PDB file of N, CA and C in Angstrom:
ATOM      1  N   MET A   1      57.168  39.228 131.780  1.00  0.00           N
ATOM      2  CA  MET A   1      56.022  39.083 132.671  1.00  0.00           C
ATOM      3  C   MET A   1      56.280  37.923 133.622  1.00  0.00           C
ATOM      4  N   ALA A   2      56.140  38.206 134.905  1.00  0.00           N
ATOM      5  CA  ALA A   2      56.347  37.188 135.935  1.00  0.00           C
ATOM      6  C   ALA A   2      55.008  36.583 136.337  1.00  0.00           C
ATOM      7  N   ARG A   3      55.104  35.422 136.938  1.00  0.00           N
ATOM      8  CA  ARG A   3      53.939  34.742 137.495  1.00  0.00           C
ATOM      9  C   ARG A   3      54.002  34.954 139.011  1.00  0.00           C
ATOM     10  N   ILE A   4      53.000  35.652 139.549  1.00  0.00           N
ATOM     11  CA  ILE A   4      53.026  36.018 140.963  1.00  0.00           C
ATOM     12  C   ILE A   4      51.808  35.432 141.678  1.00  0.00           C
ATOM     13  N   LEU A   5      52.097  34.716 142.764  1.00  0.00           N
ATOM     14  CA  LEU A   5      51.050  34.149 143.614  1.00  0.00           C
ATOM     15  C   LEU A   5      50.788  35.109 144.761  1.00  0.00           C
ATOM     16  N   ILE A   6      49.529  35.479 144.942  1.00  0.00           N
ATOM     17  CA  ILE A   6      49.122  36.376 146.022  1.00  0.00           C
ATOM     18  C   ILE A   6      48.319  35.547 147.020  1.00  0.00           C
ATOM     19  N   VAL A   7      48.754  35.557 148.284  1.00  0.00           N
ATOM     20  CA  VAL A   7      48.087  34.772 149.316  1.00  0.00           C
ATOM     21  C   VAL A   7      47.583  35.735 150.391  1.00  0.00           C
ATOM     22  N   ASP A   8      46.271  35.860 150.516  1.00  0.00           N
ATOM     23  CA  ASP A   8      45.673  36.768 151.499  1.00  0.00           C
ATOM     24  C   ASP A   8      44.250  36.308 151.757  1.00  0.00           C
ATOM     25  N   ASP A   9      43.835  36.306 153.025  1.00  0.00           N
ATOM     26  CA  ASP A   9      42.483  35.854 153.362  1.00  0.00           C
ATOM     27  C   ASP A   9      41.442  36.955 153.242  1.00  0.00           C
ATOM     28  N   SER A  10      41.843  38.193 153.017  1.00  0.00           N
ATOM     29  CA  SER A  10      40.903  39.300 152.854  1.00  0.00           C
ATOM     30  C   SER A  10      40.598  39.487 151.369  1.00  0.00           C
ATOM     31  N   PRO A  11      39.342  39.285 150.964  1.00  0.00           N
ATOM     32  CA  PRO A  11      39.007  39.446 149.541  1.00  0.00           C
ATOM     33  C   PRO A  11      39.364  40.838 148.998  1.00  0.00           C
ATOM     34  N   SER A  12      39.156  41.881 149.804  1.00  0.00           N
ATOM     35  CA  SER A  12      39.456  43.228 149.321  1.00  0.00           C
ATOM     36  C   SER A  12      40.964  43.448 149.173  1.00  0.00           C
ATOM     37  N   GLN A  13      41.755  42.946 150.112  1.00  0.00           N
ATOM     38  CA  GLN A  13      43.207  43.053 150.006  1.00  0.00           C
ATOM     39  C   GLN A  13      43.718  42.251 148.812  1.00  0.00           C
ATOM     40  N   LEU A  14      43.182  41.060 148.655  1.00  0.00           N
ATOM     41  CA  LEU A  14      43.583  40.185 147.555  1.00  0.00           C
ATOM     42  C   LEU A  14      43.328  40.877 146.216  1.00  0.00           C
ATOM     43  N   LEU A  15      42.150  41.442 146.061  1.00  0.00           N
ATOM     44  CA  LEU A  15      41.792  42.122 144.822  1.00  0.00           C
ATOM     45  C   LEU A  15      42.665  43.363 144.606  1.00  0.00           C
ATOM     46  N   GLY A  16      42.900  44.126 145.666  1.00  0.00           N
ATOM     47  CA  GLY A  16      43.726  45.331 145.541  1.00  0.00           C
ATOM     48  C   GLY A  16      45.149  45.016 145.111  1.00  0.00           C
ATOM     49  N   ILE A  17      45.734  44.003 145.730  1.00  0.00           N
ATOM     50  CA  ILE A  17      47.099  43.603 145.375  1.00  0.00           C
ATOM     51  C   ILE A  17      47.117  43.039 143.957  1.00  0.00           C
ATOM     52  N   GLN A  18      46.114  42.246 143.623  1.00  0.00           N
ATOM     53  CA  GLN A  18      46.030  41.658 142.286  1.00  0.00           C
ATOM     54  C   GLN A  18      45.972  42.748 141.217  1.00  0.00           C
ATOM     55  N   ARG A  19      45.201  43.782 141.446  1.00  0.00           N
ATOM     56  CA  ARG A  19      45.094  44.881 140.469  1.00  0.00           C
ATOM     57  C   ARG A  19      46.445  45.568 140.262  1.00  0.00           C
ATOM     58  N   ILE A  20      47.167  45.811 141.349  1.00  0.00           N
ATOM     59  CA  ILE A  20      48.479  46.455 141.237  1.00  0.00           C
ATOM     60  C   ILE A  20      49.436  45.562 140.443  1.00  0.00           C
ATOM     61  N   VAL A  21      49.478  44.299 140.793  1.00  0.00           N
ATOM     62  CA  VAL A  21      50.411  43.363 140.149  1.00  0.00           C
ATOM     63  C   VAL A  21      50.086  43.207 138.663  1.00  0.00           C
ATOM     64  N   GLU A  22      48.800  43.106 138.328  1.00  0.00           N
ATOM     65  CA  GLU A  22      48.417  42.973 136.924  1.00  0.00           C
ATOM     66  C   GLU A  22      48.677  44.263 136.154  1.00  0.00           C
ATOM     67  N   LYS A  23      48.524  45.396 136.805  1.00  0.00           N
ATOM     68  CA  LYS A  23      48.836  46.684 136.173  1.00  0.00           C
ATOM     69  C   LYS A  23      50.323  46.757 135.806  1.00  0.00           C
ATOM     70  N   LEU A  24      51.154  46.081 136.592  1.00  0.00           N
ATOM     71  CA  LEU A  24      52.590  46.029 136.307  1.00  0.00           C
ATOM     72  C   LEU A  24      52.907  45.045 135.174  1.00  0.00           C
ATOM     73  N   GLY A  25      51.894  44.323 134.705  1.00  0.00           N
ATOM     74  CA  GLY A  25      52.073  43.418 133.581  1.00  0.00           C
ATOM     75  C   GLY A  25      52.344  41.978 133.947  1.00  0.00           C
ATOM     76  N   HIS A  26      52.135  41.626 135.205  1.00  0.00           N
ATOM     77  CA  HIS A  26      52.402  40.260 135.656  1.00  0.00           C
ATOM     78  C   HIS A  26      51.127  39.416 135.655  1.00  0.00           C
ATOM     79  N   GLU A  27      51.300  38.123 135.546  1.00  0.00           N
ATOM     80  CA  GLU A  27      50.201  37.174 135.639  1.00  0.00           C
ATOM     81  C   GLU A  27      50.011  36.828 137.108  1.00  0.00           C
ATOM     82  N   THR A  28      48.769  36.778 137.579  1.00  0.00           N
ATOM     83  CA  THR A  28      48.519  36.507 138.990  1.00  0.00           C
ATOM     84  C   THR A  28      47.762  35.205 139.208  1.00  0.00           C
ATOM     85  N   PHE A  29      48.038  34.630 140.371  1.00  0.00           N
ATOM     86  CA  PHE A  29      47.341  33.470 140.890  1.00  0.00           C
ATOM     87  C   PHE A  29      47.017  33.823 142.333  1.00  0.00           C
ATOM     88  N   THR A  30      45.950  33.287 142.893  1.00  0.00           N
ATOM     89  CA  THR A  30      45.578  33.659 144.251  1.00  0.00           C
ATOM     90  C   THR A  30      45.260  32.440 145.106  1.00  0.00           C
ATOM     91  N   ALA A  31      45.418  32.647 146.408  1.00  0.00           N
ATOM     92  CA  ALA A  31      45.021  31.660 147.412  1.00  0.00           C
ATOM     93  C   ALA A  31      44.544  32.441 148.632  1.00  0.00           C
ATOM     94  N   THR A  32      43.615  31.863 149.393  1.00  0.00           N
ATOM     95  CA  THR A  32      42.986  32.608 150.484  1.00  0.00           C
ATOM     96  C   THR A  32      43.405  32.173 151.878  1.00  0.00           C
ATOM     97  N   ASP A  33      44.385  31.289 151.995  1.00  0.00           N
ATOM     98  CA  ASP A  33      44.965  30.988 153.304  1.00  0.00           C
ATOM     99  C   ASP A  33      46.338  30.369 153.083  1.00  0.00           C
ATOM    100  N   GLY A  34      47.093  30.226 154.154  1.00  0.00           N
ATOM    101  CA  GLY A  34      48.459  29.754 154.040  1.00  0.00           C
ATOM    102  C   GLY A  34      48.587  28.353 153.475  1.00  0.00           C
ATOM    103  N   ALA A  35      47.710  27.446 153.904  1.00  0.00           N
ATOM    104  CA  ALA A  35      47.777  26.068 153.406  1.00  0.00           C
ATOM    105  C   ALA A  35      47.484  26.022 151.910  1.00  0.00           C
ATOM    106  N   ALA A  36      46.474  26.751 151.479  1.00  0.00           N
ATOM    107  CA  ALA A  36      46.144  26.808 150.049  1.00  0.00           C
ATOM    108  C   ALA A  36      47.275  27.484 149.275  1.00  0.00           C
ATOM    109  N   GLY A  37      47.927  28.467 149.905  1.00  0.00           N
ATOM    110  CA  GLY A  37      49.059  29.142 149.273  1.00  0.00           C
ATOM    111  C   GLY A  37      50.225  28.210 149.031  1.00  0.00           C
ATOM    112  N   VAL A  38      50.513  27.367 149.996  1.00  0.00           N
ATOM    113  CA  VAL A  38      51.600  26.388 149.844  1.00  0.00           C
ATOM    114  C   VAL A  38      51.265  25.428 148.704  1.00  0.00           C
ATOM    115  N   GLU A  39      50.033  24.932 148.668  1.00  0.00           N
ATOM    116  CA  GLU A  39      49.632  24.002 147.601  1.00  0.00           C
ATOM    117  C   GLU A  39      49.670  24.688 146.236  1.00  0.00           C
ATOM    118  N   ALA A  40      49.211  25.933 146.177  1.00  0.00           N
ATOM    119  CA  ALA A  40      49.235  26.669 144.902  1.00  0.00           C
ATOM    120  C   ALA A  40      50.674  26.888 144.441  1.00  0.00           C
ATOM    121  N   ALA A  41      51.556  27.219 145.362  1.00  0.00           N
ATOM    122  CA  ALA A  41      52.960  27.438 145.007  1.00  0.00           C
ATOM    123  C   ALA A  41      53.580  26.160 144.450  1.00  0.00           C
ATOM    124  N   LYS A  42      53.233  25.027 145.021  1.00  0.00           N
ATOM    125  CA  LYS A  42      53.767  23.741 144.539  1.00  0.00           C
ATOM    126  C   LYS A  42      53.266  23.416 143.137  1.00  0.00           C
ATOM    127  N   SER A  43      52.013  23.767 142.838  1.00  0.00           N
ATOM    128  CA  SER A  43      51.463  23.419 141.525  1.00  0.00           C
ATOM    129  C   SER A  43      51.790  24.465 140.463  1.00  0.00           C
ATOM    130  N   VAL A  44      51.771  25.740 140.817  1.00  0.00           N
ATOM    131  CA  VAL A  44      51.995  26.815 139.851  1.00  0.00           C
ATOM    132  C   VAL A  44      53.482  27.114 139.661  1.00  0.00           C
ATOM    133  N   LEU A  45      54.276  26.941 140.728  1.00  0.00           N
ATOM    134  CA  LEU A  45      55.693  27.330 140.749  1.00  0.00           C
ATOM    135  C   LEU A  45      55.868  28.767 140.241  1.00  0.00           C
ATOM    136  N   PRO A  46      55.303  29.727 140.992  1.00  0.00           N
ATOM    137  CA  PRO A  46      55.366  31.124 140.562  1.00  0.00           C
ATOM    138  C   PRO A  46      56.787  31.681 140.667  1.00  0.00           C
ATOM    139  N   ASP A  47      56.976  32.855 140.094  1.00  0.00           N
ATOM    140  CA  ASP A  47      58.270  33.546 140.170  1.00  0.00           C
ATOM    141  C   ASP A  47      58.409  34.318 141.482  1.00  0.00           C
ATOM    142  N   LEU A  48      57.282  34.569 142.148  1.00  0.00           N
ATOM    143  CA  LEU A  48      57.256  35.337 143.387  1.00  0.00           C
ATOM    144  C   LEU A  48      55.966  35.024 144.125  1.00  0.00           C
ATOM    145  N   VAL A  49      56.037  35.035 145.466  1.00  0.00           N
ATOM    146  CA  VAL A  49      54.838  34.896 146.300  1.00  0.00           C
ATOM    147  C   VAL A  49      54.725  36.142 147.166  1.00  0.00           C
ATOM    148  N   LEU A  50      53.547  36.771 147.131  1.00  0.00           N
ATOM    149  CA  LEU A  50      53.222  37.879 148.032  1.00  0.00           C
ATOM    150  C   LEU A  50      52.315  37.278 149.105  1.00  0.00           C
ATOM    151  N   MET A  51      52.814  37.225 150.340  1.00  0.00           N
ATOM    152  CA  MET A  51      52.181  36.429 151.401  1.00  0.00           C
ATOM    153  C   MET A  51      51.736  37.295 152.576  1.00  0.00           C
ATOM    154  N   ASP A  52      50.447  37.250 152.880  1.00  0.00           N
ATOM    155  CA  ASP A  52      49.926  37.859 154.102  1.00  0.00           C
ATOM    156  C   ASP A  52      50.440  37.027 155.281  1.00  0.00           C
ATOM    157  N   VAL A  53      50.363  37.573 156.483  1.00  0.00           N
ATOM    158  CA  VAL A  53      50.811  36.815 157.653  1.00  0.00           C
ATOM    159  C   VAL A  53      49.628  36.283 158.455  1.00  0.00           C
ATOM    160  N   VAL A  54      48.670  37.132 158.779  1.00  0.00           N
ATOM    161  CA  VAL A  54      47.562  36.725 159.641  1.00  0.00           C
ATOM    162  C   VAL A  54      46.475  36.079 158.780  1.00  0.00           C
ATOM    163  N   MET A  55      46.474  34.724 158.775  1.00  0.00           N
ATOM    164  CA  MET A  55      45.526  33.962 157.960  1.00  0.00           C
ATOM    165  C   MET A  55      45.161  32.670 158.688  1.00  0.00           C
ATOM    166  N   PRO A  56      44.013  32.077 158.336  1.00  0.00           N
ATOM    167  CA  PRO A  56      43.640  30.796 158.928  1.00  0.00           C
ATOM    168  C   PRO A  56      44.479  29.649 158.370  1.00  0.00           C
ATOM    169  N   ASN A  57      44.361  28.515 159.012  1.00  0.00           N
ATOM    170  CA  ASN A  57      45.054  27.263 158.663  1.00  0.00           C
ATOM    171  C   ASN A  57      46.549  27.387 158.916  1.00  0.00           C
ATOM    172  N   LEU A  58      47.316  27.903 157.979  1.00  0.00           N
ATOM    173  CA  LEU A  58      48.737  28.197 158.201  1.00  0.00           C
ATOM    174  C   LEU A  58      48.888  29.705 158.125  1.00  0.00           C
ATOM    175  N   ASN A  59      49.575  30.297 159.093  1.00  0.00           N
ATOM    176  CA  ASN A  59      49.808  31.734 158.948  1.00  0.00           C
ATOM    177  C   ASN A  59      50.939  31.945 157.946  1.00  0.00           C
ATOM    178  N   GLY A  60      51.181  33.191 157.568  1.00  0.00           N
ATOM    179  CA  GLY A  60      52.183  33.486 156.548  1.00  0.00           C
ATOM    180  C   GLY A  60      53.596  33.106 156.949  1.00  0.00           C
ATOM    181  N   PHE A  61      53.920  33.214 158.235  1.00  0.00           N
ATOM    182  CA  PHE A  61      55.243  32.800 158.700  1.00  0.00           C
ATOM    183  C   PHE A  61      55.420  31.290 158.492  1.00  0.00           C
ATOM    184  N   GLN A  62      54.396  30.513 158.888  1.00  0.00           N
ATOM    185  CA  GLN A  62      54.448  29.055 158.747  1.00  0.00           C
ATOM    186  C   GLN A  62      54.488  28.649 157.271  1.00  0.00           C
ATOM    187  N   ALA A  63      53.681  29.315 156.459  1.00  0.00           N
ATOM    188  CA  ALA A  63      53.635  28.992 155.026  1.00  0.00           C
ATOM    189  C   ALA A  63      54.970  29.317 154.358  1.00  0.00           C
ATOM    190  N   THR A  64      55.568  30.443 154.722  1.00  0.00           N
ATOM    191  CA  THR A  64      56.871  30.806 154.156  1.00  0.00           C
ATOM    192  C   THR A  64      57.918  29.774 154.537  1.00  0.00           C
ATOM    193  N   ARG A  65      57.945  29.409 155.807  1.00  0.00           N
ATOM    194  CA  ARG A  65      58.895  28.399 156.279  1.00  0.00           C
ATOM    195  C   ARG A  65      58.691  27.076 155.528  1.00  0.00           C
ATOM    196  N   THR A  66      57.438  26.683 155.328  1.00  0.00           N
ATOM    197  CA  THR A  66      57.136  25.454 154.595  1.00  0.00           C
ATOM    198  C   THR A  66      57.662  25.531 153.161  1.00  0.00           C
ATOM    199  N   LEU A  67      57.429  26.651 152.485  1.00  0.00           N
ATOM    200  CA  LEU A  67      57.901  26.812 151.104  1.00  0.00           C
ATOM    201  C   LEU A  67      59.424  26.762 151.027  1.00  0.00           C
ATOM    202  N   LYS A  68      60.093  27.354 151.997  1.00  0.00           N
ATOM    203  CA  LYS A  68      61.552  27.397 151.974  1.00  0.00           C
ATOM    204  C   LYS A  68      62.186  26.046 152.298  1.00  0.00           C
ATOM    205  N   ARG A  69      61.456  25.199 152.990  1.00  0.00           N
ATOM    206  CA  ARG A  69      61.977  23.870 153.341  1.00  0.00           C
ATOM    207  C   ARG A  69      61.685  22.821 152.259  1.00  0.00           C
ATOM    208  N   GLU A  70      60.760  23.126 151.386  1.00  0.00           N
ATOM    209  CA  GLU A  70      60.365  22.200 150.318  1.00  0.00           C
ATOM    210  C   GLU A  70      61.293  22.388 149.120  1.00  0.00           C
ATOM    211  N   ALA A  71      61.915  21.325 148.668  1.00  0.00           N
ATOM    212  CA  ALA A  71      62.893  21.419 147.574  1.00  0.00           C
ATOM    213  C   ALA A  71      62.308  22.059 146.318  1.00  0.00           C
ATOM    214  N   SER A  72      61.059  21.744 145.995  1.00  0.00           N
ATOM    215  CA  SER A  72      60.470  22.249 144.751  1.00  0.00           C
ATOM    216  C   SER A  72      60.114  23.728 144.801  1.00  0.00           C
ATOM    217  N   THR A  73      60.022  24.308 146.011  1.00  0.00           N
ATOM    218  CA  THR A  73      59.613  25.714 146.129  1.00  0.00           C
ATOM    219  C   THR A  73      60.642  26.594 146.835  1.00  0.00           C
ATOM    220  N   ALA A  74      61.733  26.014 147.285  1.00  0.00           N
ATOM    221  CA  ALA A  74      62.719  26.767 148.075  1.00  0.00           C
ATOM    222  C   ALA A  74      63.309  27.958 147.315  1.00  0.00           C
ATOM    223  N   HIS A  75      63.354  27.875 146.001  1.00  0.00           N
ATOM    224  CA  HIS A  75      63.949  28.942 145.185  1.00  0.00           C
ATOM    225  C   HIS A  75      63.018  30.134 144.975  1.00  0.00           C
ATOM    226  N   ILE A  76      61.750  29.994 145.295  1.00  0.00           N
ATOM    227  CA  ILE A  76      60.764  31.045 145.021  1.00  0.00           C
ATOM    228  C   ILE A  76      60.861  32.135 146.091  1.00  0.00           C
ATOM    229  N   PRO A  77      61.121  33.393 145.677  1.00  0.00           N
ATOM    230  CA  PRO A  77      61.162  34.457 146.679  1.00  0.00           C
ATOM    231  C   PRO A  77      59.769  34.742 147.247  1.00  0.00           C
ATOM    232  N   VAL A  78      59.742  35.021 148.548  1.00  0.00           N
ATOM    233  CA  VAL A  78      58.497  35.350 149.238  1.00  0.00           C
ATOM    234  C   VAL A  78      58.634  36.755 149.817  1.00  0.00           C
ATOM    235  N   VAL A  79      57.625  37.586 149.572  1.00  0.00           N
ATOM    236  CA  VAL A  79      57.537  38.904 150.182  1.00  0.00           C
ATOM    237  C   VAL A  79      56.349  38.854 151.137  1.00  0.00           C
ATOM    238  N   LEU A  80      56.599  39.123 152.407  1.00  0.00           N
ATOM    239  CA  LEU A  80      55.508  39.171 153.378  1.00  0.00           C
ATOM    240  C   LEU A  80      54.833  40.534 153.283  1.00  0.00           C
ATOM    241  N   VAL A  81      53.508  40.518 153.141  1.00  0.00           N
ATOM    242  CA  VAL A  81      52.697  41.721 152.978  1.00  0.00           C
ATOM    243  C   VAL A  81      51.673  41.682 154.106  1.00  0.00           C
ATOM    244  N   THR A  82      51.871  42.501 155.147  1.00  0.00           N
ATOM    245  CA  THR A  82      51.096  42.300 156.369  1.00  0.00           C
ATOM    246  C   THR A  82      50.856  43.582 157.157  1.00  0.00           C
ATOM    247  N   THR A  83      49.895  43.513 158.076  1.00  0.00           N
ATOM    248  CA  THR A  83      49.654  44.616 159.004  1.00  0.00           C
ATOM    249  C   THR A  83      50.591  44.544 160.208  1.00  0.00           C
ATOM    250  N   LYS A  84      51.258  43.426 160.387  1.00  0.00           N
ATOM    251  CA  LYS A  84      52.155  43.250 161.540  1.00  0.00           C
ATOM    252  C   LYS A  84      53.409  44.080 161.306  1.00  0.00           C
ATOM    253  N   ASP A  85      53.548  45.159 162.094  1.00  0.00           N
ATOM    254  CA  ASP A  85      54.622  46.112 161.806  1.00  0.00           C
ATOM    255  C   ASP A  85      55.670  46.249 162.916  1.00  0.00           C
ATOM    256  N   GLN A  86      55.726  45.290 163.810  1.00  0.00           N
ATOM    257  CA  GLN A  86      56.729  45.340 164.870  1.00  0.00           C
ATOM    258  C   GLN A  86      58.070  44.821 164.344  1.00  0.00           C
ATOM    259  N   ASP A  87      59.161  45.330 164.909  1.00  0.00           N
ATOM    260  CA  ASP A  87      60.490  44.876 164.500  1.00  0.00           C
ATOM    261  C   ASP A  87      60.643  43.370 164.687  1.00  0.00           C
ATOM    262  N   THR A  88      60.063  42.837 165.762  1.00  0.00           N
ATOM    263  CA  THR A  88      60.177  41.396 165.996  1.00  0.00           C
ATOM    264  C   THR A  88      59.455  40.602 164.909  1.00  0.00           C
ATOM    265  N   ASP A  89      58.327  41.136 164.397  1.00  0.00           N
ATOM    266  CA  ASP A  89      57.608  40.473 163.298  1.00  0.00           C
ATOM    267  C   ASP A  89      58.475  40.454 162.043  1.00  0.00           C
ATOM    268  N   ARG A  90      59.098  41.594 161.740  1.00  0.00           N
ATOM    269  CA  ARG A  90      59.964  41.684 160.554  1.00  0.00           C
ATOM    270  C   ARG A  90      61.118  40.685 160.669  1.00  0.00           C
ATOM    271  N   LEU A  91      61.760  40.691 161.826  1.00  0.00           N
ATOM    272  CA  LEU A  91      62.895  39.804 162.046  1.00  0.00           C
ATOM    273  C   LEU A  91      62.462  38.342 161.896  1.00  0.00           C
ATOM    274  N   TRP A  92      61.345  37.986 162.507  1.00  0.00           N
ATOM    275  CA  TRP A  92      60.859  36.617 162.430  1.00  0.00           C
ATOM    276  C   TRP A  92      60.524  36.244 160.982  1.00  0.00           C
ATOM    277  N   GLY A  93      59.880  37.148 160.269  1.00  0.00           N
ATOM    278  CA  GLY A  93      59.537  36.888 158.873  1.00  0.00           C
ATOM    279  C   GLY A  93      60.760  36.657 158.013  1.00  0.00           C
ATOM    280  N   MET A  94      61.785  37.470 158.206  1.00  0.00           N
ATOM    281  CA  MET A  94      63.006  37.313 157.420  1.00  0.00           C
ATOM    282  C   MET A  94      63.709  35.999 157.794  1.00  0.00           C
ATOM    283  N   ARG A  95      63.632  35.624 159.052  1.00  0.00           N
ATOM    284  CA  ARG A  95      64.237  34.354 159.486  1.00  0.00           C
ATOM    285  C   ARG A  95      63.521  33.139 158.903  1.00  0.00           C
ATOM    286  N   GLN A  96      62.257  33.320 158.545  1.00  0.00           N
ATOM    287  CA  GLN A  96      61.514  32.212 157.937  1.00  0.00           C
ATOM    288  C   GLN A  96      61.872  32.047 156.461  1.00  0.00           C
ATOM    289  N   GLY A  97      62.598  33.015 155.911  1.00  0.00           N
ATOM    290  CA  GLY A  97      63.040  32.911 154.526  1.00  0.00           C
ATOM    291  C   GLY A  97      62.494  33.973 153.597  1.00  0.00           C
ATOM    292  N   ALA A  98      61.749  34.941 154.126  1.00  0.00           N
ATOM    293  CA  ALA A  98      61.212  36.000 153.265  1.00  0.00           C
ATOM    294  C   ALA A  98      62.347  36.856 152.701  1.00  0.00           C
ATOM    295  N   LYS A  99      62.155  37.318 151.473  1.00  0.00           N
ATOM    296  CA  LYS A  99      63.126  38.203 150.820  1.00  0.00           C
ATOM    297  C   LYS A  99      62.879  39.656 151.191  1.00  0.00           C
ATOM    298  N   ALA A 100      61.634  39.986 151.514  1.00  0.00           N
ATOM    299  CA  ALA A 100      61.278  41.368 151.862  1.00  0.00           C
ATOM    300  C   ALA A 100      60.019  41.334 152.717  1.00  0.00           C
ATOM    301  N   TYR A 101      59.750  42.484 153.326  1.00  0.00           N
ATOM    302  CA  TYR A 101      58.635  42.612 154.259  1.00  0.00           C
ATOM    303  C   TYR A 101      58.040  43.995 154.037  1.00  0.00           C
ATOM    304  N   ILE A 102      56.768  44.058 153.710  1.00  0.00           N
ATOM    305  CA  ILE A 102      56.102  45.339 153.506  1.00  0.00           C
ATOM    306  C   ILE A 102      54.839  45.361 154.358  1.00  0.00           C
ATOM    307  N   THR A 103      54.596  46.495 155.003  1.00  0.00           N
ATOM    308  CA  THR A 103      53.436  46.574 155.890  1.00  0.00           C
ATOM    309  C   THR A 103      52.266  47.295 155.220  1.00  0.00           C
ATOM    310  N   LYS A 104      51.075  46.807 155.556  1.00  0.00           N
ATOM    311  CA  LYS A 104      49.823  47.411 155.106  1.00  0.00           C
ATOM    312  C   LYS A 104      49.481  48.546 156.058  1.00  0.00           C
ATOM    313  N   PRO A 105      48.895  49.610 155.612  1.00  0.00           N
ATOM    314  CA  PRO A 105      48.619  49.908 154.213  1.00  0.00           C
ATOM    315  C   PRO A 105      49.895  50.371 153.498  1.00  0.00           C
ATOM    316  N   PHE A 106      49.981  50.091 152.233  1.00  0.00           N
ATOM    317  CA  PHE A 106      51.131  50.485 151.420  1.00  0.00           C
ATOM    318  C   PHE A 106      50.599  51.156 150.164  1.00  0.00           C
ATOM    319  N   SER A 107      51.452  51.910 149.512  1.00  0.00           N
ATOM    320  CA  SER A 107      51.042  52.545 148.259  1.00  0.00           C
ATOM    321  C   SER A 107      51.369  51.617 147.098  1.00  0.00           C
ATOM    322  N   GLU A 108      50.778  51.893 145.973  1.00  0.00           N
ATOM    323  CA  GLU A 108      51.071  51.132 144.754  1.00  0.00           C
ATOM    324  C   GLU A 108      52.558  51.225 144.437  1.00  0.00           C
ATOM    325  N   ASP A 109      53.133  52.425 144.607  1.00  0.00           N
ATOM    326  CA  ASP A 109      54.562  52.621 144.335  1.00  0.00           C
ATOM    327  C   ASP A 109      55.431  51.780 145.265  1.00  0.00           C
ATOM    328  N   GLU A 110      55.061  51.717 146.544  1.00  0.00           N
ATOM    329  CA  GLU A 110      55.849  50.920 147.492  1.00  0.00           C
ATOM    330  C   GLU A 110      55.855  49.443 147.106  1.00  0.00           C
ATOM    331  N   LEU A 111      54.689  48.904 146.773  1.00  0.00           N
ATOM    332  CA  LEU A 111      54.616  47.497 146.395  1.00  0.00           C
ATOM    333  C   LEU A 111      55.382  47.264 145.094  1.00  0.00           C
ATOM    334  N   SER A 112      55.225  48.157 144.135  1.00  0.00           N
ATOM    335  CA  SER A 112      55.931  48.028 142.855  1.00  0.00           C
ATOM    336  C   SER A 112      57.439  48.031 143.060  1.00  0.00           C
ATOM    337  N   GLU A 113      57.914  48.892 143.941  1.00  0.00           N
ATOM    338  CA  GLU A 113      59.346  48.995 144.208  1.00  0.00           C
ATOM    339  C   GLU A 113      59.887  47.715 144.852  1.00  0.00           C
ATOM    340  N   VAL A 114      59.152  47.172 145.804  1.00  0.00           N
ATOM    341  CA  VAL A 114      59.590  45.938 146.466  1.00  0.00           C
ATOM    342  C   VAL A 114      59.641  44.789 145.453  1.00  0.00           C
ATOM    343  N   ILE A 115      58.629  44.676 144.610  1.00  0.00           N
ATOM    344  CA  ILE A 115      58.611  43.620 143.594  1.00  0.00           C
ATOM    345  C   ILE A 115      59.808  43.784 142.660  1.00  0.00           C
ATOM    346  N   ALA A 116      60.049  45.002 142.202  1.00  0.00           N
ATOM    347  CA  ALA A 116      61.168  45.258 141.290  1.00  0.00           C
ATOM    348  C   ALA A 116      62.501  44.907 141.944  1.00  0.00           C
ATOM    349  N   ARG A 117      62.680  45.269 143.195  1.00  0.00           N
ATOM    350  CA  ARG A 117      63.942  44.976 143.887  1.00  0.00           C
ATOM    351  C   ARG A 117      64.178  43.477 144.036  1.00  0.00           C
ATOM    352  N   VAL A 118      63.122  42.752 144.331  1.00  0.00           N
ATOM    353  CA  VAL A 118      63.266  41.298 144.471  1.00  0.00           C
ATOM    354  C   VAL A 118      63.696  40.684 143.139  1.00  0.00           C
ATOM    355  N   PHE A 119      63.092  41.165 142.036  1.00  0.00           N
ATOM    356  CA  PHE A 119      63.429  40.608 140.726  1.00  0.00           C
ATOM    357  C   PHE A 119      64.776  41.088 140.201  1.00  0.00           C
ATOM    358  N   GLN A 120      65.270  42.225 140.682  1.00  0.00           N
ATOM    359  CA  GLN A 120      66.494  42.795 140.146  1.00  0.00           C
ATOM    360  C   GLN A 120      67.747  42.060 140.533  1.00  0.00           C
ATOM    361  N   GLY A 121      67.751  41.487 141.673  1.00  0.00           N
ATOM    362  CA  GLY A 121      69.052  40.956 141.961  1.00  0.00           C
ATOM    363  C   GLY A 121      69.015  39.837 142.963  1.00  0.00           C
ATOM    364  N   GLY A 122      69.698  38.946 143.169  1.00  0.00           N
ATOM    365  CA  GLY A 122      69.572  37.908 144.168  1.00  0.00           C
ATOM    366  C   GLY A 122      69.559  38.391 145.581  1.00  0.00           C
ATOM    367  N   GLY A 123      69.993  39.644 145.848  1.00  0.00           N
ATOM    368  CA  GLY A 123      70.053  40.125 147.231  1.00  0.00           C
ATOM    369  C   GLY A 123      68.702  40.423 147.808  1.00  0.00           C
ATOM    370  N   ASP A 124      68.672  40.486 149.111  1.00  0.00           N
ATOM    371  CA  ASP A 124      67.420  40.787 149.803  1.00  0.00           C
ATOM    372  C   ASP A 124      66.976  42.197 149.521  1.00  0.00           C
ATOM    373  N   ALA A 125      65.699  42.361 149.308  1.00  0.00           N
ATOM    374  CA  ALA A 125      65.134  43.694 149.157  1.00  0.00           C
ATOM    375  C   ALA A 125      65.047  44.326 150.543  1.00  0.00           C
ATOM    376  N   PRO A 126      65.244  45.626 150.636  1.00  0.00           N
ATOM    377  CA  PRO A 126      65.145  46.265 151.941  1.00  0.00           C
ATOM    378  C   PRO A 126      63.715  46.189 152.467  1.00  0.00           C
ATOM    379  N   GLU A 127      63.618  46.157 153.783  1.00  0.00           N
ATOM    380  CA  GLU A 127      62.311  46.125 154.425  1.00  0.00           C
ATOM    381  C   GLU A 127      61.674  47.498 154.293  1.00  0.00           C
ATOM    382  N   THR A 128      60.359  47.537 154.129  1.00  0.00           N
ATOM    383  CA  THR A 128      59.644  48.810 154.094  1.00  0.00           C
ATOM    384  C   THR A 128      58.558  48.819 155.128  1.00  0.00           C
TER     385      THR A 128
END
């Protein structure tokens, strides 16, 4: 069982993702904006962060970059989970240090597959 931090400012999205992750048998932690997500990651040190992009305070790109630059959190894989589906968004997200990028809406199977791929091997999970 992994410890997964879910960062999303939409209560319904947060709950939906949390249900999927817990159904997979993982322990979840949540934060409702990028700044809170960075602080939660520093205190919880999760095995994975599922990060929305469009959020108040720090957006997901900024929060991912912050986590990757911080020595205590740089090792934590981040998967960007967002409505931003342009190629430039994907490229920018991966450049910030994300391991994978999945666009909303997604199916339970798609999210499960991305999580499994990130945990399976040190390599980057394919973008979906």
